[in-house]
Amino acid sequence: MQERYCYYSLDDGTVLGVKPVMVKVFRLLGPDGRPGNGPDGAPAYFYQTQNVTQVLTPDEYKVMTNRDLQE
């Protein structure tokens, strides 16, 4: 799996890239010590993420997206 950037164009023309990066994942346990489930029966997890950002000028964003399209 890959974490990909989402890009947002800001009012001043700057392009902000944001992507979540998974740091830790834990399966939650029920009171009896067995793997826990949510109300719908799906496995219950606790996770930590960290946001990674990048700031690009409009020209840098164009160059980067053109390069990605050519590969």
N, C-alpha and C. Protein backbone atom coordinates (compact mmCIF):
# COMPACT_ATOMS: atom_id res chain seq x y z
N MET A 1 0.84 -1.19 0.00
CA MET A 1 0.00 0.00 0.00
C MET A 1 0.88 1.24 0.00
N GLN A 2 0.33 2.30 -0.54
CA GLN A 2 1.05 3.56 -0.57
C GLN A 2 0.17 4.67 -0.04
N GLU A 3 0.79 5.58 0.67
CA GLU A 3 0.11 6.81 1.05
C GLU A 3 0.39 7.82 -0.05
N ARG A 4 -0.63 8.41 -0.58
CA ARG A 4 -0.45 9.40 -1.65
C ARG A 4 -0.85 10.78 -1.15
N TYR A 5 -0.23 11.78 -1.75
CA TYR A 5 -0.55 13.16 -1.42
C TYR A 5 -1.90 13.57 -2.02
N CYS A 6 -2.62 14.38 -1.30
CA CYS A 6 -3.77 15.12 -1.82
C CYS A 6 -3.29 16.56 -1.95
N TYR A 7 -3.60 17.18 -3.07
CA TYR A 7 -3.11 18.53 -3.32
C TYR A 7 -4.24 19.53 -3.28
N TYR A 8 -3.95 20.69 -2.68
CA TYR A 8 -4.92 21.76 -2.53
C TYR A 8 -4.30 23.06 -3.02
N SER A 9 -5.03 23.75 -3.88
CA SER A 9 -4.58 25.04 -4.38
C SER A 9 -5.09 26.12 -3.43
N LEU A 10 -4.16 26.89 -2.89
CA LEU A 10 -4.52 27.95 -1.94
C LEU A 10 -4.79 29.26 -2.68
N ASP A 11 -5.42 30.20 -1.99
CA ASP A 11 -5.80 31.47 -2.61
C ASP A 11 -4.63 32.22 -3.23
N ASP A 12 -3.43 32.09 -2.65
CA ASP A 12 -2.27 32.82 -3.17
C ASP A 12 -1.55 32.07 -4.29
N GLY A 13 -2.11 30.93 -4.74
CA GLY A 13 -1.50 30.16 -5.82
C GLY A 13 -0.60 29.03 -5.34
N THR A 14 -0.24 29.04 -4.08
CA THR A 14 0.59 27.97 -3.52
C THR A 14 -0.19 26.67 -3.56
N VAL A 15 0.52 25.58 -3.78
CA VAL A 15 -0.11 24.26 -3.78
C VAL A 15 0.38 23.51 -2.54
N LEU A 16 -0.56 23.07 -1.72
CA LEU A 16 -0.25 22.35 -0.49
C LEU A 16 -0.54 20.88 -0.69
N GLY A 17 0.47 20.04 -0.46
CA GLY A 17 0.30 18.59 -0.53
C GLY A 17 0.25 18.02 0.88
N VAL A 18 -0.73 17.16 1.13
CA VAL A 18 -0.89 16.55 2.45
C VAL A 18 -1.12 15.06 2.27
N LYS A 19 -0.42 14.25 3.08
CA LYS A 19 -0.68 12.81 3.07
C LYS A 19 -0.56 12.26 4.48
N PRO A 20 -1.47 11.34 4.83
CA PRO A 20 -1.35 10.70 6.14
C PRO A 20 -0.37 9.53 6.04
N VAL A 21 0.42 9.36 7.07
CA VAL A 21 1.35 8.23 7.14
C VAL A 21 1.00 7.43 8.39
N MET A 22 0.75 6.13 8.21
CA MET A 22 0.40 5.27 9.33
C MET A 22 1.64 5.05 10.19
N VAL A 23 1.52 5.31 11.49
CA VAL A 23 2.63 5.18 12.42
C VAL A 23 2.51 3.86 13.19
N LYS A 24 1.33 3.61 13.76
CA LYS A 24 1.09 2.40 14.55
C LYS A 24 -0.34 1.94 14.34
N VAL A 25 -0.53 0.61 14.42
CA VAL A 25 -1.87 0.03 14.36
C VAL A 25 -1.95 -1.06 15.42
N PHE A 26 -3.00 -1.03 16.22
CA PHE A 26 -3.23 -2.03 17.26
C PHE A 26 -4.64 -2.59 17.12
N ARG A 27 -4.78 -3.89 17.24
CA ARG A 27 -6.11 -4.50 17.30
C ARG A 27 -6.59 -4.35 18.74
N LEU A 28 -7.78 -3.81 18.90
CA LEU A 28 -8.33 -3.63 20.24
C LEU A 28 -8.81 -4.96 20.80
N LEU A 29 -8.71 -5.09 22.11
CA LEU A 29 -9.14 -6.31 22.78
C LEU A 29 -10.41 -6.05 23.57
N GLY A 30 -11.26 -7.06 23.64
CA GLY A 30 -12.47 -6.97 24.44
C GLY A 30 -12.14 -7.20 25.91
N PRO A 31 -13.14 -7.06 26.78
CA PRO A 31 -12.92 -7.26 28.22
C PRO A 31 -12.39 -8.65 28.57
N ASP A 32 -12.69 -9.61 27.71
CA ASP A 32 -12.24 -10.98 27.96
C ASP A 32 -10.85 -11.25 27.40
N GLY A 33 -10.21 -10.24 26.82
CA GLY A 33 -8.86 -10.40 26.28
C GLY A 33 -8.81 -10.91 24.85
N ARG A 34 -9.97 -11.21 24.28
CA ARG A 34 -10.02 -11.66 22.88
C ARG A 34 -10.12 -10.45 21.97
N PRO A 35 -9.76 -10.60 20.69
CA PRO A 35 -9.86 -9.46 19.76
C PRO A 35 -11.26 -8.86 19.77
N GLY A 36 -11.31 -7.54 19.87
CA GLY A 36 -12.59 -6.84 19.97
C GLY A 36 -13.19 -6.51 18.62
N ASN A 37 -14.49 -6.29 18.63
CA ASN A 37 -15.22 -5.90 17.43
C ASN A 37 -16.06 -4.67 17.74
N GLY A 38 -16.36 -3.91 16.68
CA GLY A 38 -17.23 -2.75 16.82
C GLY A 38 -18.69 -3.18 16.89
N PRO A 39 -19.60 -2.22 17.03
CA PRO A 39 -21.03 -2.53 17.12
C PRO A 39 -21.57 -3.26 15.90
N ASP A 40 -20.93 -3.04 14.75
CA ASP A 40 -21.39 -3.72 13.53
C ASP A 40 -20.71 -5.06 13.31
N GLY A 41 -19.86 -5.48 14.26
CA GLY A 41 -19.19 -6.77 14.15
C GLY A 41 -17.85 -6.72 13.45
N ALA A 42 -17.49 -5.56 12.89
CA ALA A 42 -16.20 -5.42 12.20
C ALA A 42 -15.07 -5.37 13.23
N PRO A 43 -13.89 -5.87 12.88
CA PRO A 43 -12.75 -5.80 13.80
C PRO A 43 -12.48 -4.35 14.23
N ALA A 44 -12.13 -4.16 15.50
CA ALA A 44 -11.87 -2.82 16.03
C ALA A 44 -10.37 -2.59 16.15
N TYR A 45 -9.92 -1.45 15.61
CA TYR A 45 -8.50 -1.10 15.63
C TYR A 45 -8.31 0.29 16.19
N PHE A 46 -7.16 0.51 16.78
CA PHE A 46 -6.69 1.84 17.16
C PHE A 46 -5.50 2.12 16.27
N TYR A 47 -5.43 3.32 15.73
CA TYR A 47 -4.29 3.64 14.87
C TYR A 47 -3.82 5.07 15.11
N GLN A 48 -2.54 5.29 14.83
CA GLN A 48 -1.95 6.63 14.90
C GLN A 48 -1.43 6.98 13.52
N THR A 49 -1.71 8.20 13.11
CA THR A 49 -1.19 8.69 11.84
C THR A 49 -0.45 9.99 12.07
N GLN A 50 0.38 10.32 11.12
CA GLN A 50 1.08 11.61 11.13
C GLN A 50 0.89 12.22 9.76
N ASN A 51 0.55 13.50 9.71
CA ASN A 51 0.40 14.18 8.43
C ASN A 51 1.76 14.67 7.95
N VAL A 52 2.05 14.39 6.70
CA VAL A 52 3.26 14.89 6.05
C VAL A 52 2.80 15.91 5.01
N THR A 53 3.45 17.07 4.99
CA THR A 53 3.03 18.12 4.07
C THR A 53 4.18 18.54 3.16
N GLN A 54 3.83 19.09 2.03
CA GLN A 54 4.80 19.73 1.15
C GLN A 54 4.14 20.96 0.56
N VAL A 55 4.94 22.00 0.36
CA VAL A 55 4.45 23.25 -0.20
C VAL A 55 5.15 23.47 -1.52
N LEU A 56 4.35 23.68 -2.57
CA LEU A 56 4.89 23.84 -3.92
C LEU A 56 4.39 25.13 -4.54
N THR A 57 5.22 25.70 -5.41
CA THR A 57 4.74 26.80 -6.24
C THR A 57 3.91 26.18 -7.36
N PRO A 58 3.07 26.97 -8.03
CA PRO A 58 2.31 26.41 -9.15
C PRO A 58 3.21 25.79 -10.22
N ASP A 59 4.36 26.42 -10.50
CA ASP A 59 5.28 25.87 -11.51
C ASP A 59 5.88 24.55 -11.05
N GLU A 60 6.25 24.43 -9.79
CA GLU A 60 6.79 23.17 -9.27
C GLU A 60 5.74 22.06 -9.37
N TYR A 61 4.50 22.38 -9.08
CA TYR A 61 3.43 21.39 -9.16
C TYR A 61 3.24 20.91 -10.60
N LYS A 62 3.25 21.84 -11.55
CA LYS A 62 3.10 21.46 -12.97
C LYS A 62 4.23 20.55 -13.42
N VAL A 63 5.47 20.89 -13.06
CA VAL A 63 6.61 20.06 -13.43
C VAL A 63 6.47 18.66 -12.82
N MET A 64 6.10 18.61 -11.56
CA MET A 64 5.97 17.33 -10.87
C MET A 64 4.86 16.47 -11.49
N THR A 65 3.70 17.05 -11.78
CA THR A 65 2.60 16.26 -12.34
C THR A 65 2.91 15.84 -13.77
N ASN A 66 3.58 16.68 -14.54
CA ASN A 66 3.98 16.30 -15.91
C ASN A 66 4.95 15.14 -15.88
N ARG A 67 5.90 15.16 -14.93
CA ARG A 67 6.88 14.08 -14.79
C ARG A 67 6.18 12.77 -14.42
N ASP A 68 5.21 12.84 -13.51
CA ASP A 68 4.48 11.65 -13.09
C ASP A 68 3.67 11.05 -14.24
N LEU A 69 3.12 11.91 -15.12
CA LEU A 69 2.34 11.42 -16.25
C LEU A 69 3.23 10.72 -17.28
N GLN A 70 4.49 11.15 -17.40
CA GLN A 70 5.39 10.56 -18.38
C GLN A 70 5.96 9.21 -17.95
N GLU A 71 5.96 8.95 -16.66
CA GLU A 71 6.53 7.69 -16.14
C GLU A 71 5.57 6.54 -16.25
